């Protein structure tokens, strides 16, 4: 069976989601059982934390609480929150322009001050993650008005995929986000 980068990435993403989900729900089971006095007899509890950044933090907190080896003196939820603020600004408030030149696609990212900070923080770091794929070369550069992400495809099919994914699809590519968030919350130096 031939494994492509896309298939391996999908397998890793599914495995990470299953692992993180099992940690989260295992740690929440005790909480839900202990708090049944709040369910007013309905027999069920909501599972949605209410907002995506809050849910991401709640998931990390549940993992940290479930891990007996957590070094609480190193935990840094504030840094994780700041990163999630950057992710939100970059995803929802940025403006992007795509320029195609042969096998090269350049994304110019601009926006408000919060978008500029987010783009400068995230785009160069994520380009390093994208470079782990043999299907393309990625270069991210911060600049005074935001950042640029330049992708060079190795084939016409890869070029079509880059164009279809666009900047936001490329920024969401890879299964490094979840471990990165956990490492950041644990106070470990993270580059993204």
N, C-alpha and C. Protein backbone atom coordinates (compact mmCIF):
# COMPACT_ATOMS: atom_id res chain seq x y z
N UNK A 1 0.84 -1.17 0.00
CA UNK A 1 0.00 0.00 0.00
C UNK A 1 0.89 1.24 0.00
N UNK A 2 0.68 2.13 -0.94
CA UNK A 2 1.49 3.34 -1.03
C UNK A 2 0.86 4.44 -0.18
N UNK A 3 1.68 5.02 0.72
CA UNK A 3 1.20 6.10 1.57
C UNK A 3 1.66 7.43 1.00
N UNK A 4 0.73 8.33 0.78
CA UNK A 4 1.08 9.68 0.34
C UNK A 4 1.14 10.58 1.56
N UNK A 5 1.72 11.73 1.42
CA UNK A 5 1.79 12.70 2.52
C UNK A 5 0.39 13.03 3.01
N UNK A 6 -0.55 13.20 2.08
CA UNK A 6 -1.92 13.55 2.45
C UNK A 6 -2.54 12.45 3.31
N UNK A 7 -2.34 11.18 2.92
CA UNK A 7 -2.91 10.06 3.67
C UNK A 7 -2.27 9.94 5.05
N UNK A 8 -0.94 10.10 5.13
CA UNK A 8 -0.25 10.03 6.42
C UNK A 8 -0.71 11.17 7.32
N UNK A 9 -0.84 12.38 6.75
CA UNK A 9 -1.32 13.53 7.53
C UNK A 9 -2.72 13.27 8.07
N UNK A 10 -3.59 12.70 7.24
CA UNK A 10 -4.95 12.39 7.67
C UNK A 10 -4.93 11.36 8.78
N UNK A 11 -4.11 10.32 8.66
CA UNK A 11 -4.03 9.28 9.69
C UNK A 11 -3.53 9.88 10.99
N UNK A 12 -2.51 10.71 10.93
CA UNK A 12 -1.97 11.34 12.14
C UNK A 12 -3.02 12.25 12.76
N UNK A 13 -3.73 13.03 11.94
CA UNK A 13 -4.75 13.94 12.47
C UNK A 13 -5.87 13.16 13.15
N UNK A 14 -6.30 12.05 12.55
CA UNK A 14 -7.36 11.24 13.16
C UNK A 14 -6.88 10.63 14.47
N UNK A 15 -5.65 10.14 14.47
CA UNK A 15 -5.10 9.55 15.71
C UNK A 15 -4.99 10.59 16.81
N UNK A 16 -4.52 11.81 16.47
CA UNK A 16 -4.41 12.87 17.47
C UNK A 16 -5.78 13.27 17.99
N UNK A 17 -6.75 13.39 17.11
CA UNK A 17 -8.10 13.76 17.54
C UNK A 17 -8.68 12.69 18.46
N UNK A 18 -8.47 11.43 18.11
CA UNK A 18 -8.98 10.35 18.96
C UNK A 18 -8.31 10.35 20.32
N UNK A 19 -7.00 10.54 20.33
CA UNK A 19 -6.26 10.56 21.59
C UNK A 19 -6.68 11.73 22.46
N UNK A 20 -6.70 12.94 21.88
CA UNK A 20 -7.10 14.10 22.67
C UNK A 20 -8.55 14.00 23.12
N UNK A 21 -9.41 13.51 22.25
CA UNK A 21 -10.81 13.33 22.62
C UNK A 21 -10.98 12.36 23.77
N UNK A 22 -10.23 11.25 23.74
CA UNK A 22 -10.36 10.28 24.82
C UNK A 22 -9.86 10.85 26.13
N UNK A 23 -8.75 11.62 26.10
CA UNK A 23 -8.26 12.28 27.31
C UNK A 23 -9.32 13.25 27.85
N UNK A 24 -9.88 14.04 26.95
CA UNK A 24 -10.84 15.05 27.36
C UNK A 24 -12.08 14.41 27.98
N UNK A 25 -12.67 13.47 27.27
CA UNK A 25 -13.90 12.89 27.78
C UNK A 25 -13.67 12.01 29.00
N UNK A 26 -12.53 11.35 29.09
CA UNK A 26 -12.22 10.56 30.28
C UNK A 26 -12.11 11.47 31.49
N UNK A 27 -11.47 12.61 31.33
CA UNK A 27 -11.30 13.52 32.47
C UNK A 27 -12.61 14.22 32.81
N UNK A 28 -13.48 14.40 31.83
CA UNK A 28 -14.74 15.08 32.09
C UNK A 28 -15.80 14.16 32.69
N UNK A 29 -15.63 12.85 32.52
CA UNK A 29 -16.63 11.91 33.01
C UNK A 29 -16.86 12.08 34.51
N UNK A 30 -15.79 12.19 35.28
CA UNK A 30 -15.91 12.39 36.72
C UNK A 30 -16.61 13.70 37.02
N UNK A 31 -16.25 14.76 36.30
CA UNK A 31 -16.86 16.06 36.52
C UNK A 31 -18.36 16.00 36.25
N UNK A 32 -18.76 15.36 35.13
CA UNK A 32 -20.17 15.30 34.80
C UNK A 32 -20.93 14.49 35.84
N UNK A 33 -20.35 13.38 36.31
CA UNK A 33 -21.01 12.55 37.30
C UNK A 33 -21.16 13.31 38.61
N UNK A 34 -20.11 14.04 39.01
CA UNK A 34 -20.13 14.77 40.27
C UNK A 34 -21.06 15.97 40.22
N UNK A 35 -21.39 16.44 39.03
CA UNK A 35 -22.20 17.64 38.95
C UNK A 35 -23.61 17.37 38.45
N UNK A 36 -24.12 16.18 38.66
CA UNK A 36 -25.45 15.86 38.15
C UNK A 36 -26.53 16.68 38.82
N UNK A 37 -26.23 17.30 39.97
CA UNK A 37 -27.24 18.14 40.60
C UNK A 37 -27.55 19.37 39.76
N UNK A 38 -26.74 19.66 38.75
CA UNK A 38 -26.98 20.81 37.88
C UNK A 38 -27.81 20.46 36.65
N UNK A 39 -28.10 19.18 36.44
CA UNK A 39 -28.78 18.84 35.19
C UNK A 39 -30.29 18.90 35.28
N UNK A 40 -30.82 19.20 36.45
CA UNK A 40 -32.25 19.41 36.63
C UNK A 40 -33.08 18.25 36.11
N UNK A 41 -32.56 17.05 36.25
CA UNK A 41 -33.33 15.86 35.91
C UNK A 41 -33.37 15.54 34.43
N UNK A 42 -32.65 16.23 33.59
CA UNK A 42 -32.74 15.98 32.15
C UNK A 42 -32.01 14.70 31.76
N UNK A 43 -31.07 14.23 32.59
CA UNK A 43 -30.35 13.00 32.30
C UNK A 43 -29.18 13.17 31.36
N UNK A 44 -28.92 14.37 30.86
CA UNK A 44 -27.78 14.56 29.97
C UNK A 44 -27.14 15.91 30.26
N UNK A 45 -25.89 16.02 29.85
CA UNK A 45 -25.13 17.25 30.04
C UNK A 45 -24.65 17.74 28.69
N UNK A 46 -24.60 19.04 28.50
CA UNK A 46 -24.02 19.54 27.25
C UNK A 46 -22.52 19.25 27.22
N UNK A 47 -21.99 19.08 26.03
CA UNK A 47 -20.55 18.81 25.89
C UNK A 47 -19.82 19.98 25.25
N UNK A 48 -20.51 20.88 24.59
CA UNK A 48 -19.87 22.03 23.95
C UNK A 48 -19.49 23.05 25.01
N UNK A 49 -18.23 23.50 24.96
CA UNK A 49 -17.73 24.45 25.95
C UNK A 49 -18.19 25.88 25.68
N UNK A 50 -18.83 26.14 24.54
CA UNK A 50 -19.44 27.43 24.30
C UNK A 50 -18.79 28.29 23.24
N UNK A 51 -17.50 28.19 23.06
CA UNK A 51 -16.77 29.01 22.09
C UNK A 51 -15.48 28.28 21.79
N UNK A 52 -14.98 28.37 20.57
CA UNK A 52 -13.86 27.51 20.17
C UNK A 52 -12.58 27.73 20.97
N UNK A 53 -12.21 28.98 21.25
CA UNK A 53 -10.99 29.21 22.04
C UNK A 53 -11.18 28.69 23.46
N UNK A 54 -12.34 28.93 24.03
CA UNK A 54 -12.63 28.44 25.37
C UNK A 54 -12.59 26.92 25.39
N UNK A 55 -13.17 26.29 24.35
CA UNK A 55 -13.16 24.83 24.26
C UNK A 55 -11.75 24.29 24.12
N UNK A 56 -10.90 24.97 23.34
CA UNK A 56 -9.51 24.53 23.17
C UNK A 56 -8.78 24.59 24.51
N UNK A 57 -8.99 25.68 25.26
CA UNK A 57 -8.36 25.80 26.57
C UNK A 57 -8.91 24.75 27.53
N UNK A 58 -10.23 24.54 27.51
CA UNK A 58 -10.85 23.54 28.38
C UNK A 58 -10.29 22.15 28.11
N UNK A 59 -10.09 21.83 26.84
CA UNK A 59 -9.53 20.53 26.47
C UNK A 59 -8.12 20.37 27.02
N UNK A 60 -7.30 21.40 26.88
CA UNK A 60 -5.93 21.36 27.39
C UNK A 60 -5.93 21.25 28.91
N UNK A 61 -6.77 22.03 29.58
CA UNK A 61 -6.86 21.98 31.05
C UNK A 61 -7.26 20.58 31.51
N UNK A 62 -8.19 19.95 30.82
CA UNK A 62 -8.62 18.59 31.17
C UNK A 62 -7.45 17.62 31.03
N UNK A 63 -6.65 17.76 29.97
CA UNK A 63 -5.49 16.88 29.77
C UNK A 63 -4.47 17.11 30.88
N UNK A 64 -4.21 18.37 31.20
CA UNK A 64 -3.26 18.68 32.27
C UNK A 64 -3.73 18.13 33.61
N UNK A 65 -5.02 18.28 33.90
CA UNK A 65 -5.58 17.76 35.16
C UNK A 65 -5.51 16.24 35.23
N UNK A 66 -5.64 15.58 34.10
CA UNK A 66 -5.63 14.11 34.07
C UNK A 66 -4.21 13.53 34.15
N UNK A 67 -3.21 14.35 33.87
CA UNK A 67 -1.82 13.89 33.86
C UNK A 67 -1.19 14.12 35.24
N UNK A 68 -0.91 13.04 35.95
CA UNK A 68 -0.32 13.15 37.28
C UNK A 68 1.09 13.75 37.25
N UNK A 69 1.72 13.78 36.08
CA UNK A 69 3.07 14.32 35.96
C UNK A 69 3.10 15.79 35.55
N UNK A 70 1.95 16.44 35.48
CA UNK A 70 1.93 17.85 35.11
C UNK A 70 2.73 18.66 36.12
N UNK A 71 3.65 19.47 35.61
CA UNK A 71 4.43 20.37 36.46
C UNK A 71 3.69 21.71 36.48
N UNK A 72 2.87 21.90 37.50
CA UNK A 72 2.01 23.07 37.58
C UNK A 72 2.81 24.37 37.69
N UNK A 73 4.05 24.30 38.11
CA UNK A 73 4.87 25.52 38.19
C UNK A 73 5.27 26.00 36.80
N UNK A 74 5.13 25.15 35.79
CA UNK A 74 5.48 25.51 34.41
C UNK A 74 4.27 25.81 33.53
N UNK A 75 3.08 25.48 33.97
CA UNK A 75 1.88 25.63 33.14
C UNK A 75 1.66 27.11 32.82
N UNK A 76 1.35 27.39 31.54
CA UNK A 76 1.20 28.77 31.07
C UNK A 76 -0.02 28.87 30.15
N UNK A 77 -1.18 28.90 30.73
CA UNK A 77 -2.42 28.99 29.95
C UNK A 77 -2.53 30.37 29.28
N UNK A 78 -1.95 31.38 29.90
CA UNK A 78 -2.00 32.74 29.33
C UNK A 78 -1.34 32.77 27.95
N UNK A 79 -0.20 32.09 27.78
CA UNK A 79 0.47 32.05 26.47
C UNK A 79 -0.39 31.32 25.45
N UNK A 80 -1.03 30.23 25.87
CA UNK A 80 -1.93 29.52 24.97
C UNK A 80 -3.07 30.43 24.54
N UNK A 81 -3.65 31.15 25.49
CA UNK A 81 -4.74 32.07 25.16
C UNK A 81 -4.27 33.12 24.15
N UNK A 82 -3.08 33.69 24.36
CA UNK A 82 -2.55 34.69 23.42
C UNK A 82 -2.41 34.11 22.02
N UNK A 83 -1.95 32.86 21.96
CA UNK A 83 -1.82 32.21 20.66
C UNK A 83 -3.19 32.00 20.01
N UNK A 84 -4.17 31.61 20.81
CA UNK A 84 -5.53 31.43 20.28
C UNK A 84 -6.12 32.75 19.81
N UNK A 85 -5.79 33.86 20.48
CA UNK A 85 -6.21 35.19 20.03
C UNK A 85 -5.59 35.47 18.66
N UNK A 86 -4.29 35.14 18.50
CA UNK A 86 -3.64 35.31 17.20
C UNK A 86 -4.30 34.45 16.14
N UNK A 87 -4.60 33.19 16.48
CA UNK A 87 -5.25 32.31 15.52
C UNK A 87 -6.59 32.88 15.07
N UNK A 88 -7.35 33.40 16.02
CA UNK A 88 -8.66 33.99 15.71
C UNK A 88 -8.50 35.20 14.79
N UNK A 89 -7.58 36.10 15.13
CA UNK A 89 -7.37 37.30 14.30
C UNK A 89 -6.93 36.92 12.90
N UNK A 90 -5.98 36.00 12.80
CA UNK A 90 -5.47 35.61 11.49
C UNK A 90 -6.56 34.93 10.65
N UNK A 91 -7.35 34.08 11.29
CA UNK A 91 -8.37 33.33 10.55
C UNK A 91 -9.57 34.19 10.17
N UNK A 92 -10.02 35.04 11.08
CA UNK A 92 -11.29 35.73 10.87
C UNK A 92 -11.18 37.19 10.44
N UNK A 93 -10.05 37.84 10.69
CA UNK A 93 -9.98 39.27 10.42
C UNK A 93 -8.93 39.67 9.37
N UNK A 94 -8.12 38.73 8.91
CA UNK A 94 -7.07 39.10 7.96
C UNK A 94 -7.63 39.23 6.54
N UNK A 95 -6.86 39.91 5.73
CA UNK A 95 -7.14 40.00 4.29
C UNK A 95 -5.98 39.32 3.59
N UNK A 96 -6.27 38.52 2.59
CA UNK A 96 -5.21 37.86 1.84
C UNK A 96 -5.37 38.10 0.35
N UNK A 97 -4.26 38.18 -0.30
CA UNK A 97 -4.22 38.29 -1.75
C UNK A 97 -3.35 37.17 -2.27
N UNK A 98 -3.85 36.42 -3.26
CA UNK A 98 -3.10 35.31 -3.84
C UNK A 98 -2.53 35.73 -5.19
N UNK A 99 -1.23 35.50 -5.38
CA UNK A 99 -0.56 35.80 -6.63
C UNK A 99 0.09 34.51 -7.14
N UNK A 100 -0.25 34.10 -8.36
CA UNK A 100 0.29 32.87 -8.94
C UNK A 100 1.27 33.23 -10.05
N UNK A 101 2.46 32.62 -9.98
CA UNK A 101 3.49 32.83 -11.00
C UNK A 101 4.13 31.48 -11.29
N UNK A 102 3.67 30.83 -12.34
CA UNK A 102 4.18 29.50 -12.67
C UNK A 102 3.81 28.51 -11.58
N UNK A 103 4.81 27.86 -10.99
CA UNK A 103 4.59 26.87 -9.94
C UNK A 103 4.63 27.51 -8.55
N UNK A 104 4.74 28.81 -8.50
CA UNK A 104 4.85 29.51 -7.22
C UNK A 104 3.56 30.29 -6.93
N UNK A 105 3.08 30.15 -5.68
CA UNK A 105 1.90 30.88 -5.23
C UNK A 105 2.32 31.71 -4.02
N UNK A 106 2.02 32.98 -4.07
CA UNK A 106 2.38 33.89 -2.97
C UNK A 106 1.10 34.45 -2.36
N UNK A 107 1.01 34.34 -1.04
CA UNK A 107 -0.12 34.88 -0.30
C UNK A 107 0.37 36.08 0.51
N UNK A 108 -0.24 37.22 0.29
CA UNK A 108 0.09 38.44 1.03
C UNK A 108 -1.00 38.64 2.07
N UNK A 109 -0.59 38.70 3.34
CA UNK A 109 -1.53 38.78 4.46
C UNK A 109 -1.42 40.15 5.12
N UNK A 110 -2.55 40.85 5.21
CA UNK A 110 -2.58 42.18 5.83
C UNK A 110 -3.81 42.30 6.71
N UNK A 111 -3.87 43.40 7.44
CA UNK A 111 -5.04 43.67 8.28
C UNK A 111 -4.72 44.67 9.37
N UNK A 112 -5.55 44.65 10.40
CA UNK A 112 -5.41 45.55 11.54
C UNK A 112 -4.14 45.22 12.32
N UNK A 113 -3.86 46.00 13.35
CA UNK A 113 -2.67 45.76 14.18
C UNK A 113 -2.68 44.35 14.77
N UNK A 114 -3.84 43.87 15.21
CA UNK A 114 -3.88 42.52 15.79
C UNK A 114 -3.61 41.47 14.72
N UNK A 115 -4.07 41.71 13.50
CA UNK A 115 -3.80 40.79 12.39
C UNK A 115 -2.32 40.82 12.03
N UNK A 116 -1.74 42.01 11.98
CA UNK A 116 -0.31 42.13 11.65
C UNK A 116 0.51 41.33 12.66
N UNK A 117 0.22 41.52 13.95
CA UNK A 117 0.96 40.78 14.99
C UNK A 117 0.78 39.27 14.82
N UNK A 118 -0.45 38.85 14.58
CA UNK A 118 -0.74 37.43 14.42
C UNK A 118 -0.01 36.86 13.20
N UNK A 119 -0.06 37.58 12.08
CA UNK A 119 0.61 37.10 10.86
C UNK A 119 2.12 37.03 11.06
N UNK A 120 2.68 38.03 11.71
CA UNK A 120 4.12 38.03 11.96
C UNK A 120 4.52 36.89 12.89
N UNK A 121 3.67 36.56 13.86
CA UNK A 121 3.95 35.47 14.79
C UNK A 121 3.77 34.09 14.15
N UNK A 122 2.74 33.94 13.35
CA UNK A 122 2.34 32.60 12.92
C UNK A 122 2.83 32.17 11.55
N UNK A 123 2.85 33.06 10.58
CA UNK A 123 3.14 32.63 9.20
C UNK A 123 4.54 32.07 9.04
N UNK A 124 5.60 32.74 9.52
CA UNK A 124 6.94 32.14 9.36
C UNK A 124 7.07 30.79 10.07
N UNK A 125 6.49 30.68 11.26
CA UNK A 125 6.57 29.42 12.01
C UNK A 125 5.81 28.31 11.30
N UNK A 126 4.63 28.62 10.77
CA UNK A 126 3.85 27.58 10.10
C UNK A 126 4.50 27.17 8.79
N UNK A 127 5.18 28.09 8.13
CA UNK A 127 5.89 27.74 6.88
C UNK A 127 6.92 26.64 7.16
N UNK A 128 7.57 26.71 8.32
CA UNK A 128 8.53 25.65 8.67
C UNK A 128 7.83 24.30 8.80
N UNK A 129 6.62 24.29 9.33
CA UNK A 129 5.85 23.04 9.41
C UNK A 129 5.45 22.56 8.02
N UNK A 130 4.99 23.48 7.17
CA UNK A 130 4.61 23.11 5.81
C UNK A 130 5.79 22.55 5.03
N UNK A 131 6.99 23.01 5.33
CA UNK A 131 8.19 22.54 4.63
C UNK A 131 8.50 21.08 4.92
N UNK A 132 7.84 20.48 5.87
CA UNK A 132 8.07 19.06 6.17
C UNK A 132 7.48 18.15 5.10
N UNK A 133 6.66 18.70 4.23
CA UNK A 133 6.09 17.93 3.12
C UNK A 133 7.02 18.00 1.91
N UNK A 134 7.28 16.85 1.27
CA UNK A 134 8.12 16.87 0.07
C UNK A 134 7.38 17.38 -1.17
N UNK A 135 6.09 17.67 -1.03
CA UNK A 135 5.30 18.07 -2.19
C UNK A 135 5.43 19.54 -2.55
N UNK A 136 6.00 20.31 -1.65
CA UNK A 136 6.14 21.74 -1.90
C UNK A 136 7.25 22.32 -1.05
N UNK A 137 7.62 23.54 -1.37
CA UNK A 137 8.52 24.32 -0.53
C UNK A 137 7.72 25.51 -0.04
N UNK A 138 7.90 25.85 1.23
CA UNK A 138 7.16 26.97 1.81
C UNK A 138 8.14 27.95 2.42
N UNK A 139 7.85 29.23 2.24
CA UNK A 139 8.66 30.28 2.84
C UNK A 139 7.72 31.32 3.43
N UNK A 140 7.82 31.55 4.72
CA UNK A 140 7.00 32.56 5.38
C UNK A 140 7.89 33.69 5.86
N UNK A 141 7.48 34.91 5.58
CA UNK A 141 8.26 36.07 5.99
C UNK A 141 7.34 37.12 6.61
N UNK A 142 7.75 37.61 7.78
CA UNK A 142 7.06 38.73 8.41
C UNK A 142 7.49 40.01 7.73
N UNK A 143 6.59 40.99 7.68
CA UNK A 143 6.92 42.31 7.15
C UNK A 143 6.13 43.35 7.94
N UNK A 144 6.38 44.63 7.74
CA UNK A 144 5.71 45.66 8.55
C UNK A 144 4.18 45.70 8.42
N UNK A 145 3.64 45.17 7.32
CA UNK A 145 2.18 45.20 7.13
C UNK A 145 1.53 43.83 7.35
N UNK A 146 2.29 42.83 7.81
CA UNK A 146 1.76 41.50 8.04
C UNK A 146 2.77 40.43 7.73
N UNK A 147 2.49 39.64 6.70
CA UNK A 147 3.41 38.56 6.33
C UNK A 147 3.10 38.08 4.92
N UNK A 148 4.03 37.31 4.38
CA UNK A 148 3.81 36.63 3.11
C UNK A 148 4.11 35.16 3.29
N UNK A 149 3.35 34.34 2.60
CA UNK A 149 3.59 32.90 2.55
C UNK A 149 3.77 32.56 1.08
N UNK A 150 4.95 32.06 0.71
CA UNK A 150 5.22 31.68 -0.67
C UNK A 150 5.34 30.17 -0.74
N UNK A 151 4.53 29.56 -1.59
CA UNK A 151 4.50 28.12 -1.77
C UNK A 151 4.98 27.80 -3.18
N UNK A 152 5.91 26.87 -3.29
CA UNK A 152 6.39 26.41 -4.60
C UNK A 152 6.01 24.94 -4.75
N UNK A 153 5.20 24.64 -5.75
CA UNK A 153 4.68 23.29 -5.95
C UNK A 153 5.67 22.43 -6.73
N UNK A 154 5.60 21.13 -6.50
CA UNK A 154 6.47 20.19 -7.22
C UNK A 154 5.78 19.58 -8.44
N UNK A 155 4.47 19.83 -8.59
CA UNK A 155 3.74 19.31 -9.74
C UNK A 155 2.50 20.15 -9.97
N UNK A 156 1.89 19.96 -11.14
CA UNK A 156 0.66 20.70 -11.44
C UNK A 156 -0.46 20.34 -10.47
N UNK A 157 -0.56 19.04 -10.09
CA UNK A 157 -1.61 18.64 -9.14
C UNK A 157 -1.42 19.30 -7.78
N UNK A 158 -0.17 19.40 -7.33
CA UNK A 158 0.11 20.05 -6.05
C UNK A 158 -0.21 21.55 -6.16
N UNK A 159 0.11 22.16 -7.31
CA UNK A 159 -0.22 23.56 -7.52
C UNK A 159 -1.72 23.78 -7.40
N UNK A 160 -2.50 22.90 -8.01
CA UNK A 160 -3.97 23.00 -7.92
C UNK A 160 -4.44 22.88 -6.47
N UNK A 161 -3.80 21.99 -5.71
CA UNK A 161 -4.17 21.81 -4.30
C UNK A 161 -3.85 23.07 -3.50
N UNK A 162 -2.69 23.67 -3.73
CA UNK A 162 -2.30 24.90 -3.03
C UNK A 162 -3.31 26.01 -3.32
N UNK A 163 -3.67 26.14 -4.60
CA UNK A 163 -4.65 27.17 -4.97
C UNK A 163 -6.01 26.90 -4.35
N UNK A 164 -6.41 25.63 -4.31
CA UNK A 164 -7.71 25.29 -3.74
C UNK A 164 -7.74 25.49 -2.22
N UNK A 165 -6.66 25.09 -1.55
CA UNK A 165 -6.59 25.28 -0.10
C UNK A 165 -6.53 26.75 0.26
N UNK A 166 -5.81 27.52 -0.54
CA UNK A 166 -5.65 28.93 -0.23
C UNK A 166 -4.88 29.12 1.07
N UNK A 167 -4.72 30.36 1.47
CA UNK A 167 -3.94 30.67 2.65
C UNK A 167 -4.49 29.98 3.90
N UNK A 168 -5.80 30.04 4.10
CA UNK A 168 -6.39 29.52 5.34
C UNK A 168 -6.32 28.00 5.40
N UNK A 169 -6.53 27.34 4.29
CA UNK A 169 -6.41 25.89 4.25
C UNK A 169 -4.97 25.45 4.51
N UNK A 170 -4.02 26.19 3.97
CA UNK A 170 -2.61 25.87 4.21
C UNK A 170 -2.23 26.09 5.68
N UNK A 171 -2.74 27.17 6.27
CA UNK A 171 -2.44 27.43 7.68
C UNK A 171 -3.03 26.36 8.59
N UNK A 172 -4.09 25.69 8.14
CA UNK A 172 -4.71 24.63 8.94
C UNK A 172 -4.14 23.25 8.61
N UNK A 173 -3.22 23.18 7.66
CA UNK A 173 -2.65 21.91 7.23
C UNK A 173 -1.64 21.39 8.24
N UNK A 174 -1.74 20.11 8.53
CA UNK A 174 -0.79 19.47 9.45
C UNK A 174 -1.43 19.17 10.79
N UNK A 175 -0.86 18.20 11.47
CA UNK A 175 -1.41 17.77 12.76
C UNK A 175 -0.52 18.23 13.91
N UNK A 176 0.16 19.36 13.72
CA UNK A 176 1.05 19.84 14.77
C UNK A 176 0.37 20.80 15.74
N UNK A 177 -0.81 21.31 15.38
CA UNK A 177 -1.46 22.32 16.20
C UNK A 177 -1.78 21.83 17.62
N UNK A 178 -2.37 20.64 17.71
CA UNK A 178 -2.77 20.14 19.02
C UNK A 178 -1.57 19.90 19.94
N UNK A 179 -0.53 19.19 19.49
CA UNK A 179 0.64 19.02 20.36
C UNK A 179 1.30 20.36 20.69
N UNK A 180 1.28 21.28 19.73
CA UNK A 180 1.84 22.61 19.94
C UNK A 180 1.10 23.33 21.07
N UNK A 181 -0.22 23.25 21.05
CA UNK A 181 -1.02 23.91 22.09
C UNK A 181 -0.76 23.28 23.46
N UNK A 182 -0.67 21.97 23.50
CA UNK A 182 -0.39 21.30 24.77
C UNK A 182 1.00 21.67 25.28
N UNK A 183 1.99 21.69 24.40
CA UNK A 183 3.34 22.07 24.80
C UNK A 183 3.40 23.50 25.29
N UNK A 184 2.69 24.38 24.61
CA UNK A 184 2.66 25.79 25.01
C UNK A 184 2.04 25.92 26.41
N UNK A 185 0.94 25.21 26.64
CA UNK A 185 0.28 25.27 27.95
C UNK A 185 1.16 24.70 29.05
N UNK A 186 2.03 23.74 28.70
CA UNK A 186 2.93 23.16 29.68
C UNK A 186 4.16 24.04 29.93
N UNK A 187 4.23 25.17 29.23
CA UNK A 187 5.34 26.09 29.44
C UNK A 187 6.59 25.72 28.66
N UNK A 188 6.42 24.84 27.66
CA UNK A 188 7.56 24.44 26.84
C UNK A 188 7.75 25.46 25.72
N UNK A 189 8.98 25.73 25.36
CA UNK A 189 9.26 26.69 24.27
C UNK A 189 8.71 26.12 22.97
N UNK A 190 7.82 26.87 22.36
CA UNK A 190 7.20 26.44 21.11
C UNK A 190 7.37 27.54 20.09
N UNK A 191 7.59 27.15 18.82
CA UNK A 191 7.86 28.11 17.75
C UNK A 191 6.65 28.49 16.92
N UNK A 192 5.46 28.58 17.48
CA UNK A 192 4.35 28.86 16.57
C UNK A 192 3.22 29.49 17.30
